[in-house]
């Protein structure tokens, strides 16, 4: 098994600002506030978190076992990466 990639670059769809963030390993992150325009990002329909929707790398739970693992493990914390 390959170790999960923990860095992902988020791109704000509202203003285009990009920032690299470290993803939580034990939870999906539902919300992220863009530091430039303050838009609050949430996951797109069908995605478990903001990294899966707006990041360059999907969240660690998805990397390790796919979306079903992420949704069924109760891994949603709603934490903000600020």
PDB file of N, CA and C in Angstrom:
ATOM      1  N   UNK A   1       0.844  -1.185   0.000  1.00  0.00           N
ATOM      2  CA  UNK A   1       0.000   0.000   0.000  1.00  0.00           C
ATOM      3  C   UNK A   1       0.886   1.244   0.000  1.00  0.00           C
ATOM      4  N   UNK A   2       0.572   2.190  -0.829  1.00  0.00           N
ATOM      5  CA  UNK A   2       1.313   3.433  -0.925  1.00  0.00           C
ATOM      6  C   UNK A   2       0.779   4.436   0.092  1.00  0.00           C
ATOM      7  N   UNK A   3       1.676   5.205   0.687  1.00  0.00           N
ATOM      8  CA  UNK A   3       1.252   6.232   1.646  1.00  0.00           C
ATOM      9  C   UNK A   3       0.443   7.305   0.935  1.00  0.00           C
ATOM     10  N   UNK A   4      -0.550   7.811   1.621  1.00  0.00           N
ATOM     11  CA  UNK A   4      -1.398   8.863   1.049  1.00  0.00           C
ATOM     12  C   UNK A   4      -0.604  10.153   0.881  1.00  0.00           C
ATOM     13  N   UNK A   5      -0.904  10.872  -0.174  1.00  0.00           N
ATOM     14  CA  UNK A   5      -0.341  12.205  -0.390  1.00  0.00           C
ATOM     15  C   UNK A   5      -1.137  13.158   0.479  1.00  0.00           C
ATOM     16  N   UNK A   6      -0.456  13.960   1.278  1.00  0.00           N
ATOM     17  CA  UNK A   6      -1.146  14.833   2.232  1.00  0.00           C
ATOM     18  C   UNK A   6      -1.217  16.290   1.808  1.00  0.00           C
ATOM     19  N   UNK A   7      -0.535  16.671   0.741  1.00  0.00           N
ATOM     20  CA  UNK A   7      -0.572  18.048   0.254  1.00  0.00           C
ATOM     21  C   UNK A   7      -1.435  18.131  -0.998  1.00  0.00           C
ATOM     22  N   UNK A   8      -2.295  19.126  -1.040  1.00  0.00           N
ATOM     23  CA  UNK A   8      -3.139  19.370  -2.206  1.00  0.00           C
ATOM     24  C   UNK A   8      -3.228  20.874  -2.410  1.00  0.00           C
ATOM     25  N   UNK A   9      -3.296  21.294  -3.648  1.00  0.00           N
ATOM     26  CA  UNK A   9      -3.438  22.708  -3.954  1.00  0.00           C
ATOM     27  C   UNK A   9      -4.891  22.981  -4.303  1.00  0.00           C
ATOM     28  N   UNK A  10      -5.528  23.823  -3.502  1.00  0.00           N
ATOM     29  CA  UNK A  10      -6.915  24.201  -3.723  1.00  0.00           C
ATOM     30  C   UNK A  10      -6.974  25.421  -4.630  1.00  0.00           C
ATOM     31  N   UNK A  11      -7.919  25.412  -5.554  1.00  0.00           N
ATOM     32  CA  UNK A  11      -8.136  26.548  -6.451  1.00  0.00           C
ATOM     33  C   UNK A  11      -9.550  27.070  -6.240  1.00  0.00           C
ATOM     34  N   UNK A  12      -9.659  28.339  -5.873  1.00  0.00           N
ATOM     35  CA  UNK A  12     -10.967  28.946  -5.650  1.00  0.00           C
ATOM     36  C   UNK A  12     -11.655  29.194  -6.994  1.00  0.00           C
ATOM     37  N   UNK A  13     -12.859  28.662  -7.169  1.00  0.00           N
ATOM     38  CA  UNK A  13     -13.571  28.882  -8.428  1.00  0.00           C
ATOM     39  C   UNK A  13     -14.077  30.314  -8.587  1.00  0.00           C
ATOM     40  N   UNK A  14     -14.162  31.057  -7.504  1.00  0.00           N
ATOM     41  CA  UNK A  14     -14.677  32.427  -7.571  1.00  0.00           C
ATOM     42  C   UNK A  14     -13.624  33.433  -8.029  1.00  0.00           C
ATOM     43  N   UNK A  15     -12.395  33.291  -7.514  1.00  0.00           N
ATOM     44  CA  UNK A  15     -11.376  34.304  -7.837  1.00  0.00           C
ATOM     45  C   UNK A  15     -10.097  33.725  -8.443  1.00  0.00           C
ATOM     46  N   UNK A  16      -9.976  32.402  -8.460  1.00  0.00           N
ATOM     47  CA  UNK A  16      -8.809  31.765  -9.052  1.00  0.00           C
ATOM     48  C   UNK A  16      -7.600  31.637  -8.132  1.00  0.00           C
ATOM     49  N   UNK A  17      -7.718  32.120  -6.895  1.00  0.00           N
ATOM     50  CA  UNK A  17      -6.607  32.030  -5.940  1.00  0.00           C
ATOM     51  C   UNK A  17      -6.278  30.560  -5.681  1.00  0.00           C
ATOM     52  N   UNK A  18      -4.980  30.249  -5.645  1.00  0.00           N
ATOM     53  CA  UNK A  18      -4.558  28.885  -5.346  1.00  0.00           C
ATOM     54  C   UNK A  18      -3.680  28.879  -4.101  1.00  0.00           C
ATOM     55  N   UNK A  19      -3.817  27.823  -3.310  1.00  0.00           N
ATOM     56  CA  UNK A  19      -3.012  27.688  -2.105  1.00  0.00           C
ATOM     57  C   UNK A  19      -2.841  26.210  -1.783  1.00  0.00           C
ATOM     58  N   UNK A  20      -1.607  25.838  -1.456  1.00  0.00           N
ATOM     59  CA  UNK A  20      -1.329  24.468  -1.023  1.00  0.00           C
ATOM     60  C   UNK A  20      -1.699  24.329   0.441  1.00  0.00           C
ATOM     61  N   UNK A  21      -2.369  23.229   0.753  1.00  0.00           N
ATOM     62  CA  UNK A  21      -2.808  22.951   2.117  1.00  0.00           C
ATOM     63  C   UNK A  21      -2.480  21.504   2.461  1.00  0.00           C
ATOM     64  N   UNK A  22      -2.303  21.249   3.734  1.00  0.00           N
ATOM     65  CA  UNK A  22      -2.146  19.892   4.227  1.00  0.00           C
ATOM     66  C   UNK A  22      -3.521  19.354   4.575  1.00  0.00           C
ATOM     67  N   UNK A  23      -3.851  18.190   4.035  1.00  0.00           N
ATOM     68  CA  UNK A  23      -5.169  17.602   4.267  1.00  0.00           C
ATOM     69  C   UNK A  23      -5.185  16.831   5.579  1.00  0.00           C
ATOM     70  N   UNK A  24      -6.317  16.838   6.277  1.00  0.00           N
ATOM     71  CA  UNK A  24      -6.437  15.999   7.469  1.00  0.00           C
ATOM     72  C   UNK A  24      -6.415  14.529   7.048  1.00  0.00           C
ATOM     73  N   UNK A  25      -5.840  13.682   7.877  1.00  0.00           N
ATOM     74  CA  UNK A  25      -5.767  12.262   7.543  1.00  0.00           C
ATOM     75  C   UNK A  25      -6.926  11.461   8.126  1.00  0.00           C
ATOM     76  N   UNK A  26      -7.627  12.041   9.082  1.00  0.00           N
ATOM     77  CA  UNK A  26      -8.663  11.303   9.792  1.00  0.00           C
ATOM     78  C   UNK A  26     -10.072  11.793   9.506  1.00  0.00           C
ATOM     79  N   UNK A  27     -10.215  12.708   8.548  1.00  0.00           N
ATOM     80  CA  UNK A  27     -11.533  13.281   8.293  1.00  0.00           C
ATOM     81  C   UNK A  27     -11.583  13.921   6.916  1.00  0.00           C
ATOM     82  N   UNK A  28     -12.790  14.072   6.420  1.00  0.00           N
ATOM     83  CA  UNK A  28     -13.001  14.842   5.198  1.00  0.00           C
ATOM     84  C   UNK A  28     -13.275  16.286   5.613  1.00  0.00           C
ATOM     85  N   UNK A  29     -12.749  17.219   4.871  1.00  0.00           N
ATOM     86  CA  UNK A  29     -12.956  18.629   5.193  1.00  0.00           C
ATOM     87  C   UNK A  29     -14.079  19.181   4.322  1.00  0.00           C
ATOM     88  N   UNK A  30     -15.183  19.473   4.948  1.00  0.00           N
ATOM     89  CA  UNK A  30     -16.360  19.927   4.212  1.00  0.00           C
ATOM     90  C   UNK A  30     -16.262  21.362   3.740  1.00  0.00           C
ATOM     91  N   UNK A  31     -15.604  22.239   4.495  1.00  0.00           N
ATOM     92  CA  UNK A  31     -15.587  23.657   4.153  1.00  0.00           C
ATOM     93  C   UNK A  31     -14.172  24.209   4.138  1.00  0.00           C
ATOM     94  N   UNK A  32     -13.977  25.223   3.291  1.00  0.00           N
ATOM     95  CA  UNK A  32     -12.695  25.916   3.208  1.00  0.00           C
ATOM     96  C   UNK A  32     -12.980  27.351   2.769  1.00  0.00           C
ATOM     97  N   UNK A  33     -12.437  28.320   3.478  1.00  0.00           N
ATOM     98  CA  UNK A  33     -12.637  29.721   3.121  1.00  0.00           C
ATOM     99  C   UNK A  33     -11.430  30.223   2.346  1.00  0.00           C
ATOM    100  N   UNK A  34     -11.668  30.748   1.150  1.00  0.00           N
ATOM    101  CA  UNK A  34     -10.596  31.322   0.328  1.00  0.00           C
ATOM    102  C   UNK A  34     -10.023  32.526   1.064  1.00  0.00           C
ATOM    103  N   UNK A  35      -8.708  32.553   1.212  1.00  0.00           N
ATOM    104  CA  UNK A  35      -8.098  33.665   1.949  1.00  0.00           C
ATOM    105  C   UNK A  35      -8.105  34.968   1.160  1.00  0.00           C
ATOM    106  N   UNK A  36      -8.290  34.902  -0.155  1.00  0.00           N
ATOM    107  CA  UNK A  36      -8.319  36.135  -0.953  1.00  0.00           C
ATOM    108  C   UNK A  36      -9.712  36.759  -0.991  1.00  0.00           C
ATOM    109  N   UNK A  37     -10.707  36.005  -1.430  1.00  0.00           N
ATOM    110  CA  UNK A  37     -12.045  36.589  -1.631  1.00  0.00           C
ATOM    111  C   UNK A  37     -13.051  36.200  -0.535  1.00  0.00           C
ATOM    112  N   UNK A  38     -12.651  35.322   0.372  1.00  0.00           N
ATOM    113  CA  UNK A  38     -13.470  34.879   1.502  1.00  0.00           C
ATOM    114  C   UNK A  38     -14.683  34.050   1.094  1.00  0.00           C
ATOM    115  N   UNK A  39     -14.684  33.523  -0.135  1.00  0.00           N
ATOM    116  CA  UNK A  39     -15.744  32.609  -0.545  1.00  0.00           C
ATOM    117  C   UNK A  39     -15.612  31.332   0.263  1.00  0.00           C
ATOM    118  N   UNK A  40     -16.731  30.841   0.786  1.00  0.00           N
ATOM    119  CA  UNK A  40     -16.732  29.596   1.530  1.00  0.00           C
ATOM    120  C   UNK A  40     -17.012  28.459   0.554  1.00  0.00           C
ATOM    121  N   UNK A  41     -16.018  27.607   0.360  1.00  0.00           N
ATOM    122  CA  UNK A  41     -16.157  26.475  -0.550  1.00  0.00           C
ATOM    123  C   UNK A  41     -16.711  25.275   0.192  1.00  0.00           C
ATOM    124  N   UNK A  42     -17.556  24.541  -0.471  1.00  0.00           N
ATOM    125  CA  UNK A  42     -18.082  23.279   0.031  1.00  0.00           C
ATOM    126  C   UNK A  42     -17.960  22.251  -1.078  1.00  0.00           C
ATOM    127  N   UNK A  43     -18.082  20.974  -0.760  1.00  0.00           N
ATOM    128  CA  UNK A  43     -17.921  19.955  -1.794  1.00  0.00           C
ATOM    129  C   UNK A  43     -19.018  20.031  -2.853  1.00  0.00           C
ATOM    130  N   UNK A  44     -18.627  19.711  -4.084  1.00  0.00           N
ATOM    131  CA  UNK A  44     -19.596  19.613  -5.172  1.00  0.00           C
ATOM    132  C   UNK A  44     -20.431  18.353  -4.969  1.00  0.00           C
ATOM    133  N   UNK A  45     -21.599  18.326  -5.573  1.00  0.00           N
ATOM    134  CA  UNK A  45     -22.479  17.159  -5.479  1.00  0.00           C
ATOM    135  C   UNK A  45     -21.715  15.907  -5.889  1.00  0.00           C
ATOM    136  N   UNK A  46     -21.771  14.883  -5.044  1.00  0.00           N
ATOM    137  CA  UNK A  46     -21.103  13.626  -5.332  1.00  0.00           C
ATOM    138  C   UNK A  46     -19.703  13.522  -4.759  1.00  0.00           C
ATOM    139  N   UNK A  47     -19.131  14.641  -4.321  1.00  0.00           N
ATOM    140  CA  UNK A  47     -17.807  14.636  -3.704  1.00  0.00           C
ATOM    141  C   UNK A  47     -17.948  14.667  -2.188  1.00  0.00           C
ATOM    142  N   UNK A  48     -16.941  14.137  -1.496  1.00  0.00           N
ATOM    143  CA  UNK A  48     -17.021  14.062  -0.042  1.00  0.00           C
ATOM    144  C   UNK A  48     -16.441  15.282   0.651  1.00  0.00           C
ATOM    145  N   UNK A  49     -15.594  16.051  -0.045  1.00  0.00           N
ATOM    146  CA  UNK A  49     -14.937  17.173   0.630  1.00  0.00           C
ATOM    147  C   UNK A  49     -14.415  18.192  -0.374  1.00  0.00           C
ATOM    148  N   UNK A  50     -13.907  19.311   0.134  1.00  0.00           N
ATOM    149  CA  UNK A  50     -13.399  20.376  -0.732  1.00  0.00           C
ATOM    150  C   UNK A  50     -12.155  19.954  -1.493  1.00  0.00           C
ATOM    151  N   UNK A  51     -11.336  19.059  -0.922  1.00  0.00           N
ATOM    152  CA  UNK A  51     -10.135  18.620  -1.636  1.00  0.00           C
ATOM    153  C   UNK A  51     -10.501  17.774  -2.848  1.00  0.00           C
ATOM    154  N   UNK A  52     -11.526  16.961  -2.733  1.00  0.00           N
ATOM    155  CA  UNK A  52     -11.979  16.154  -3.864  1.00  0.00           C
ATOM    156  C   UNK A  52     -12.610  17.031  -4.944  1.00  0.00           C
ATOM    157  N   UNK A  53     -13.204  18.151  -4.555  1.00  0.00           N
ATOM    158  CA  UNK A  53     -13.858  19.042  -5.513  1.00  0.00           C
ATOM    159  C   UNK A  53     -12.922  20.083  -6.122  1.00  0.00           C
ATOM    160  N   UNK A  54     -12.037  20.657  -5.320  1.00  0.00           N
ATOM    161  CA  UNK A  54     -11.251  21.804  -5.778  1.00  0.00           C
ATOM    162  C   UNK A  54      -9.743  21.620  -5.671  1.00  0.00           C
ATOM    163  N   UNK A  55      -9.299  20.458  -5.202  1.00  0.00           N
ATOM    164  CA  UNK A  55      -7.874  20.234  -4.996  1.00  0.00           C
ATOM    165  C   UNK A  55      -7.213  19.476  -6.134  1.00  0.00           C
ATOM    166  N   UNK A  56      -5.895  19.504  -6.122  1.00  0.00           N
ATOM    167  CA  UNK A  56      -5.118  18.773  -7.118  1.00  0.00           C
ATOM    168  C   UNK A  56      -4.975  17.301  -6.756  1.00  0.00           C
ATOM    169  N   UNK A  57      -5.246  16.958  -5.494  1.00  0.00           N
ATOM    170  CA  UNK A  57      -5.153  15.589  -4.995  1.00  0.00           C
ATOM    171  C   UNK A  57      -6.399  15.317  -4.150  1.00  0.00           C
ATOM    172  N   UNK A  58      -7.064  14.166  -4.341  1.00  0.00           N
ATOM    173  CA  UNK A  58      -8.220  13.862  -3.487  1.00  0.00           C
ATOM    174  C   UNK A  58      -7.801  13.598  -2.047  1.00  0.00           C
ATOM    175  N   UNK A  59      -8.744  13.661  -1.140  1.00  0.00           N
ATOM    176  CA  UNK A  59      -8.466  13.483   0.293  1.00  0.00           C
ATOM    177  C   UNK A  59      -7.902  12.094   0.594  1.00  0.00           C
ATOM    178  N   UNK A  60      -7.155  11.966   1.702  1.00  0.00           N
ATOM    179  CA  UNK A  60      -6.565  10.669   2.056  1.00  0.00           C
ATOM    180  C   UNK A  60      -7.556   9.503   2.153  1.00  0.00           C
ATOM    181  N   UNK A  61      -8.751   9.681   2.746  1.00  0.00           N
ATOM    182  CA  UNK A  61      -9.673   8.533   2.766  1.00  0.00           C
ATOM    183  C   UNK A  61     -10.037   8.035   1.369  1.00  0.00           C
ATOM    184  N   UNK A  62     -10.199   8.940   0.409  1.00  0.00           N
ATOM    185  CA  UNK A  62     -10.512   8.538  -0.965  1.00  0.00           C
ATOM    186  C   UNK A  62      -9.287   7.884  -1.604  1.00  0.00           C
ATOM    187  N   UNK A  63      -8.090   8.439  -1.365  1.00  0.00           N
ATOM    188  CA  UNK A  63      -6.871   7.832  -1.895  1.00  0.00           C
ATOM    189  C   UNK A  63      -6.708   6.399  -1.398  1.00  0.00           C
ATOM    190  N   UNK A  64      -7.080   6.154  -0.150  1.00  0.00           N
ATOM    191  CA  UNK A  64      -6.867   4.846   0.466  1.00  0.00           C
ATOM    192  C   UNK A  64      -7.932   3.810   0.130  1.00  0.00           C
ATOM    193  N   UNK A  65      -9.138   4.269  -0.199  1.00  0.00           N
ATOM    194  CA  UNK A  65     -10.156   3.259  -0.443  1.00  0.00           C
ATOM    195  C   UNK A  65     -11.310   3.686  -1.297  1.00  0.00           C
ATOM    196  N   UNK A  66     -11.223   4.838  -1.881  1.00  0.00           N
ATOM    197  CA  UNK A  66     -12.292   5.298  -2.738  1.00  0.00           C
ATOM    198  C   UNK A  66     -13.392   6.019  -1.988  1.00  0.00           C
ATOM    199  N   UNK A  67     -14.302   6.640  -2.718  1.00  0.00           N
ATOM    200  CA  UNK A  67     -15.378   7.440  -2.121  1.00  0.00           C
ATOM    201  C   UNK A  67     -16.254   6.674  -1.149  1.00  0.00           C
ATOM    202  N   UNK A  68     -16.497   5.391  -1.390  1.00  0.00           N
ATOM    203  CA  UNK A  68     -17.367   4.636  -0.487  1.00  0.00           C
ATOM    204  C   UNK A  68     -16.756   4.577   0.912  1.00  0.00           C
ATOM    205  N   UNK A  69     -15.456   4.398   1.019  1.00  0.00           N
ATOM    206  CA  UNK A  69     -14.798   4.361   2.325  1.00  0.00           C
ATOM    207  C   UNK A  69     -14.967   5.689   3.025  1.00  0.00           C
ATOM    208  N   UNK A  70     -14.808   6.753   2.307  1.00  0.00           N
ATOM    209  CA  UNK A  70     -14.894   8.096   2.877  1.00  0.00           C
ATOM    210  C   UNK A  70     -16.290   8.360   3.423  1.00  0.00           C
ATOM    211  N   UNK A  71     -17.303   8.040   2.676  1.00  0.00           N
ATOM    212  CA  UNK A  71     -18.678   8.326   3.088  1.00  0.00           C
ATOM    213  C   UNK A  71     -19.172   7.410   4.194  1.00  0.00           C
ATOM    214  N   UNK A  72     -18.724   6.165   4.214  1.00  0.00           N
ATOM    215  CA  UNK A  72     -19.277   5.220   5.170  1.00  0.00           C
ATOM    216  C   UNK A  72     -18.526   5.175   6.492  1.00  0.00           C
ATOM    217  N   UNK A  73     -17.343   5.761   6.547  1.00  0.00           N
ATOM    218  CA  UNK A  73     -16.545   5.690   7.770  1.00  0.00           C
ATOM    219  C   UNK A  73     -16.898   6.783   8.771  1.00  0.00           C
ATOM    220  N   UNK A  74     -17.832   7.645   8.446  1.00  0.00           N
ATOM    221  CA  UNK A  74     -18.182   8.728   9.350  1.00  0.00           C
ATOM    222  C   UNK A  74     -17.048   9.728   9.484  1.00  0.00           C
ATOM    223  N   UNK A  75     -16.343   9.975   8.395  1.00  0.00           N
ATOM    224  CA  UNK A  75     -15.141  10.791   8.417  1.00  0.00           C
ATOM    225  C   UNK A  75     -15.382  12.273   8.170  1.00  0.00           C
ATOM    226  N   UNK A  76     -16.529  12.795   8.436  1.00  0.00           N
ATOM    227  CA  UNK A  76     -16.798  14.192   8.132  1.00  0.00           C
ATOM    228  C   UNK A  76     -16.689  15.052   9.377  1.00  0.00           C
ATOM    229  N   UNK A  77     -15.695  15.943   9.383  1.00  0.00           N
ATOM    230  CA  UNK A  77     -15.481  16.780  10.574  1.00  0.00           C
ATOM    231  C   UNK A  77     -15.956  18.199  10.397  1.00  0.00           C
ATOM    232  N   UNK A  78     -16.016  18.674   9.133  1.00  0.00           N
ATOM    233  CA  UNK A  78     -16.379  20.068   8.908  1.00  0.00           C
ATOM    234  C   UNK A  78     -15.298  21.033   9.317  1.00  0.00           C
ATOM    235  N   UNK A  79     -14.083  20.548   9.522  1.00  0.00           N
ATOM    236  CA  UNK A  79     -12.992  21.427   9.944  1.00  0.00           C
ATOM    237  C   UNK A  79     -12.582  22.372   8.834  1.00  0.00           C
ATOM    238  N   UNK A  80     -12.071  23.517   9.222  1.00  0.00           N
ATOM    239  CA  UNK A  80     -11.586  24.529   8.301  1.00  0.00           C
ATOM    240  C   UNK A  80     -10.070  24.541   8.388  1.00  0.00           C
ATOM    241  N   UNK A  81      -9.385  24.609   7.256  1.00  0.00           N
ATOM    242  CA  UNK A  81      -7.927  24.508   7.235  1.00  0.00           C
ATOM    243  C   UNK A  81      -7.205  25.802   7.561  1.00  0.00           C
ATOM    244  N   UNK A  82      -7.920  26.830   7.947  1.00  0.00           N
ATOM    245  CA  UNK A  82      -7.255  28.107   8.222  1.00  0.00           C
ATOM    246  C   UNK A  82      -6.239  28.006   9.294  1.00  0.00           C
TER     247      UNK A  82
END
